[in-house]
Every structure is written in structure tokens, then in C-alpha cells.
Amino acid sequence: MARSVNFVWNFVNELSQRSIKERGVFLSAYDMHPYTKGAGKELGLHSQTLQCIAGEYVTRRKQFKKVRLNWRKSGGVCRSLGWIPVNTGAAQWKNGQVYHNGHYFKVWDSYGLNQYK
């Protein structure tokens, strides 16, 4: 899943850079949603995850005041750390694990979250 997230990040990065270069328009996260529509099924990601990636990208682009951010690499020596943004509406707590998009992720439950829904 982290490879798919990196792929979407790189796509959004390229899309944003081309928009700025060709039209002089900075795309918002909302403007990027139609371009990633339907890609979640092919990449095995939830649609809200794609929206979170676009939102995170726009936030970081504004924070660092850059036209283009660094590419996220999935392989090689200098690969990026894997991350999967999870929206609370797309994740559930089941059997002491986080259930998201058909996968279970183990977490260290130091707060006793298994007692709550």
C-alpha cells in the first residue's frame, strides 16, 4: 500500500507542477480530486486515502513555499519512509487492530482502546 501512496504523491506532484508552469494556477486539494478519481480501485487504496494524500501534499507545498516537492521513492537506497494516511471515516477498530480497506494493521494499544468502539 505504501508504494501506491508514493505513486499517488508523485502523480499529484507532477500534476501540480504542470498546472503552475502551464497555467500559472496553484491547485488546491479539492481541484486535484477529479484527477485521482477512480484510481483507488486500481491501486488498492480507499478513495478517502487519495483525498488525504492530495490534502497533505497541498499543505506541505504551502508550508515550504515550493512549486514542486521531492519525489517519494519506493525502492533503492534513498527510499522514502512508507506511510498510509487514514481518514477516521475509512478506518475501524476490530479485534485490537485497525481495519482499513480490507487489511488489518497491528498497533500497540498503550491507551486501552480495545475497550471502546
C-alpha atoms as a PDB file:
ATOM      1  CA  MET A   1       0.000   0.000   0.000  1.00  0.00           C
ATOM      2  CA  ALA A   2       2.850   2.414   0.751  1.00  0.00           C
ATOM      3  CA  ARG A   3       4.093   2.047  -2.847  1.00  0.00           C
ATOM      4  CA  SER A   4       0.668   3.082  -4.105  1.00  0.00           C
ATOM      5  CA  VAL A   5       0.668   6.080  -1.772  1.00  0.00           C
ATOM      6  CA  ASN A   6       4.081   7.118  -3.123  1.00  0.00           C
ATOM      7  CA  PHE A   7       2.771   6.715  -6.671  1.00  0.00           C
ATOM      8  CA  VAL A   8      -0.203   9.000  -5.966  1.00  0.00           C
ATOM      9  CA  TRP A   9       2.068  11.548  -4.236  1.00  0.00           C
ATOM     10  CA  ASN A  10       4.356  11.651  -7.278  1.00  0.00           C
ATOM     11  CA  PHE A  11       1.377  11.969  -9.639  1.00  0.00           C
ATOM     12  CA  VAL A  12      -0.096  14.865  -7.658  1.00  0.00           C
ATOM     13  CA  ASN A  13       3.349  16.472  -7.519  1.00  0.00           C
ATOM     14  CA  GLU A  14       3.709  16.301 -11.313  1.00  0.00           C
ATOM     15  CA  LEU A  15       0.126  17.500 -11.846  1.00  0.00           C
ATOM     16  CA  SER A  16       0.629  20.495  -9.588  1.00  0.00           C
ATOM     17  CA  GLN A  17       3.941  21.418 -11.188  1.00  0.00           C
ATOM     18  CA  ARG A  18       2.460  21.288 -14.706  1.00  0.00           C
ATOM     19  CA  SER A  19      -0.531  23.372 -13.667  1.00  0.00           C
ATOM     20  CA  ILE A  20       1.705  26.063 -12.222  1.00  0.00           C
ATOM     21  CA  LYS A  21       4.050  26.017 -15.217  1.00  0.00           C
ATOM     22  CA  GLU A  22       1.410  25.956 -17.979  1.00  0.00           C
ATOM     23  CA  ARG A  23      -1.462  27.955 -16.476  1.00  0.00           C
ATOM     24  CA  GLY A  24       0.074  29.737 -13.504  1.00  0.00           C
ATOM     25  CA  VAL A  25      -2.566  28.224 -11.212  1.00  0.00           C
ATOM     26  CA  PHE A  26      -1.848  26.607  -7.852  1.00  0.00           C
ATOM     27  CA  LEU A  27      -4.197  23.640  -7.458  1.00  0.00           C
ATOM     28  CA  SER A  28      -5.957  23.077  -4.156  1.00  0.00           C
ATOM     29  CA  ALA A  29      -6.652  19.629  -2.742  1.00  0.00           C
ATOM     30  CA  TYR A  30     -10.242  19.956  -3.965  1.00  0.00           C
ATOM     31  CA  ASP A  31      -9.027  20.718  -7.515  1.00  0.00           C
ATOM     32  CA  MET A  32      -6.933  17.509  -7.535  1.00  0.00           C
ATOM     33  CA  HIS A  33      -9.796  15.161  -6.676  1.00  0.00           C
ATOM     34  CA  PRO A  34     -11.173  14.801 -10.238  1.00  0.00           C
ATOM     35  CA  TYR A  35      -7.710  13.819 -11.489  1.00  0.00           C
ATOM     36  CA  THR A  36      -7.376  10.973  -8.968  1.00  0.00           C
ATOM     37  CA  LYS A  37     -10.985   9.828  -9.283  1.00  0.00           C
ATOM     38  CA  GLY A  38     -11.216   6.070  -9.869  1.00  0.00           C
ATOM     39  CA  ALA A  39      -7.507   5.418  -9.267  1.00  0.00           C
ATOM     40  CA  GLY A  40      -8.174   3.958  -5.830  1.00  0.00           C
ATOM     41  CA  LYS A  41      -9.645   0.789  -7.270  1.00  0.00           C
ATOM     42  CA  GLU A  42      -6.602   0.175  -9.490  1.00  0.00           C
ATOM     43  CA  LEU A  43      -4.083   0.982  -6.753  1.00  0.00           C
ATOM     44  CA  GLY A  44      -5.885  -0.811  -3.920  1.00  0.00           C
ATOM     45  CA  LEU A  45      -6.456   2.375  -1.921  1.00  0.00           C
ATOM     46  CA  HIS A  46      -9.589   3.849  -0.415  1.00  0.00           C
ATOM     47  CA  SER A  47     -10.927   6.986  -2.102  1.00  0.00           C
ATOM     48  CA  GLN A  48     -10.602   8.956   1.142  1.00  0.00           C
ATOM     49  CA  THR A  49      -6.928   7.961   1.263  1.00  0.00           C
ATOM     50  CA  LEU A  50      -6.416   9.606  -2.129  1.00  0.00           C
ATOM     51  CA  GLN A  51      -8.078  12.751  -0.826  1.00  0.00           C
ATOM     52  CA  CYS A  52      -5.850  12.743   2.264  1.00  0.00           C
ATOM     53  CA  ILE A  53      -2.727  12.415   0.105  1.00  0.00           C
ATOM     54  CA  ALA A  54      -3.770  15.400  -2.021  1.00  0.00           C
ATOM     55  CA  GLY A  55      -4.562  17.430   1.101  1.00  0.00           C
ATOM     56  CA  GLU A  56      -1.223  16.565   2.695  1.00  0.00           C
ATOM     57  CA  TYR A  57       0.616  17.468  -0.495  1.00  0.00           C
ATOM     58  CA  VAL A  58      -1.032  20.904  -0.703  1.00  0.00           C
ATOM     59  CA  THR A  59      -0.323  21.541   2.973  1.00  0.00           C
ATOM     60  CA  ARG A  60       3.384  20.712   2.587  1.00  0.00           C
ATOM     61  CA  ARG A  61       3.689  22.692  -0.645  1.00  0.00           C
ATOM     62  CA  LYS A  62       2.314  25.781   1.089  1.00  0.00           C
ATOM     63  CA  GLN A  63       4.389  25.161   4.210  1.00  0.00           C
ATOM     64  CA  PHE A  64       7.686  25.011   2.322  1.00  0.00           C
ATOM     65  CA  LYS A  65       6.647  27.580  -0.333  1.00  0.00           C
ATOM     66  CA  LYS A  66       7.737  25.369  -3.217  1.00  0.00           C
ATOM     67  CA  VAL A  67       6.395  24.816  -6.721  1.00  0.00           C
ATOM     68  CA  ARG A  68       7.426  21.161  -6.605  1.00  0.00           C
ATOM     69  CA  LEU A  69       8.257  18.890  -3.673  1.00  0.00           C
ATOM     70  CA  ASN A  70      10.676  15.946  -3.680  1.00  0.00           C
ATOM     71  CA  TRP A  71       9.665  12.663  -5.246  1.00  0.00           C
ATOM     72  CA  ARG A  72       8.776   9.821  -2.907  1.00  0.00           C
ATOM     73  CA  LYS A  73      10.900   6.801  -3.781  1.00  0.00           C
ATOM     74  CA  SER A  74       9.619   3.272  -3.109  1.00  0.00           C
ATOM     75  CA  GLY A  75      12.875   1.410  -3.759  1.00  0.00           C
ATOM     76  CA  GLY A  76      16.607   1.824  -3.699  1.00  0.00           C
ATOM     77  CA  VAL A  77      18.985   3.098  -1.062  1.00  0.00           C
ATOM     78  CA  CYS A  78      17.372   6.510  -0.524  1.00  0.00           C
ATOM     79  CA  ARG A  79      13.767   5.331  -0.376  1.00  0.00           C
ATOM     80  CA  SER A  80      11.137   7.287   1.488  1.00  0.00           C
ATOM     81  CA  LEU A  81       9.524   6.022   4.655  1.00  0.00           C
ATOM     82  CA  GLY A  82       6.235   4.269   3.991  1.00  0.00           C
ATOM     83  CA  TRP A  83       3.104   5.988   5.230  1.00  0.00           C
ATOM     84  CA  ILE A  84      -0.585   5.469   4.641  1.00  0.00           C
ATOM     85  CA  PRO A  85      -2.857   8.386   5.535  1.00  0.00           C
ATOM     86  CA  VAL A  86      -6.023   7.062   7.119  1.00  0.00           C
ATOM     87  CA  ASN A  87      -9.166   9.096   7.483  1.00  0.00           C
ATOM     88  CA  THR A  88     -11.181   8.234  10.579  1.00  0.00           C
ATOM     89  CA  GLY A  89     -14.274   7.537   8.482  1.00  0.00           C
ATOM     90  CA  ALA A  90     -12.434   4.861   6.494  1.00  0.00           C
ATOM     91  CA  ALA A  91     -10.833   3.013   9.431  1.00  0.00           C
ATOM     92  CA  GLN A  92     -12.394   0.863  12.127  1.00  0.00           C
ATOM     93  CA  TRP A  93     -11.150  -0.710  15.333  1.00  0.00           C
ATOM     94  CA  LYS A  94     -11.659  -4.504  15.181  1.00  0.00           C
ATOM     95  CA  ASN A  95     -10.203  -7.245  17.384  1.00  0.00           C
ATOM     96  CA  GLY A  96      -7.494  -4.995  18.803  1.00  0.00           C
ATOM     97  CA  GLN A  97      -6.338  -3.942  15.330  1.00  0.00           C
ATOM     98  CA  VAL A  98      -7.081  -1.123  12.897  1.00  0.00           C
ATOM     99  CA  TYR A  99      -9.110  -2.371   9.922  1.00  0.00           C
ATOM    100  CA  HIS A 100      -8.680  -0.249   6.794  1.00  0.00           C
ATOM    101  CA  ASN A 101      -9.500  -1.093   3.171  1.00  0.00           C
ATOM    102  CA  GLY A 102      -9.630  -4.853   3.779  1.00  0.00           C
ATOM    103  CA  HIS A 103      -6.355  -5.012   5.722  1.00  0.00           C
ATOM    104  CA  TYR A 104      -5.634  -5.357   9.421  1.00  0.00           C
ATOM    105  CA  PHE A 105      -2.836  -3.269  10.948  1.00  0.00           C
ATOM    106  CA  LYS A 106      -1.432  -4.146  14.348  1.00  0.00           C
ATOM    107  CA  VAL A 107      -0.916  -1.266  16.740  1.00  0.00           C
ATOM    108  CA  TRP A 108       0.480  -1.003  20.223  1.00  0.00           C
ATOM    109  CA  ASP A 109      -2.516  -0.308  22.423  1.00  0.00           C
ATOM    110  CA  SER A 110      -0.992   1.652  25.303  1.00  0.00           C
ATOM    111  CA  TYR A 111      -4.219   3.589  25.962  1.00  0.00           C
ATOM    112  CA  GLY A 112      -6.596   0.617  26.200  1.00  0.00           C
ATOM    113  CA  LEU A 113      -8.505   1.476  23.042  1.00  0.00           C
ATOM    114  CA  ASN A 114      -9.835  -2.076  22.713  1.00  0.00           C
ATOM    115  CA  GLN A 115     -12.389  -1.188  25.400  1.00  0.00           C
ATOM    116  CA  TYR A 116     -14.065   1.342  23.088  1.00  0.00           C
ATOM    117  CA  LYS A 117     -15.749   1.218  19.697  1.00  0.00           C
END
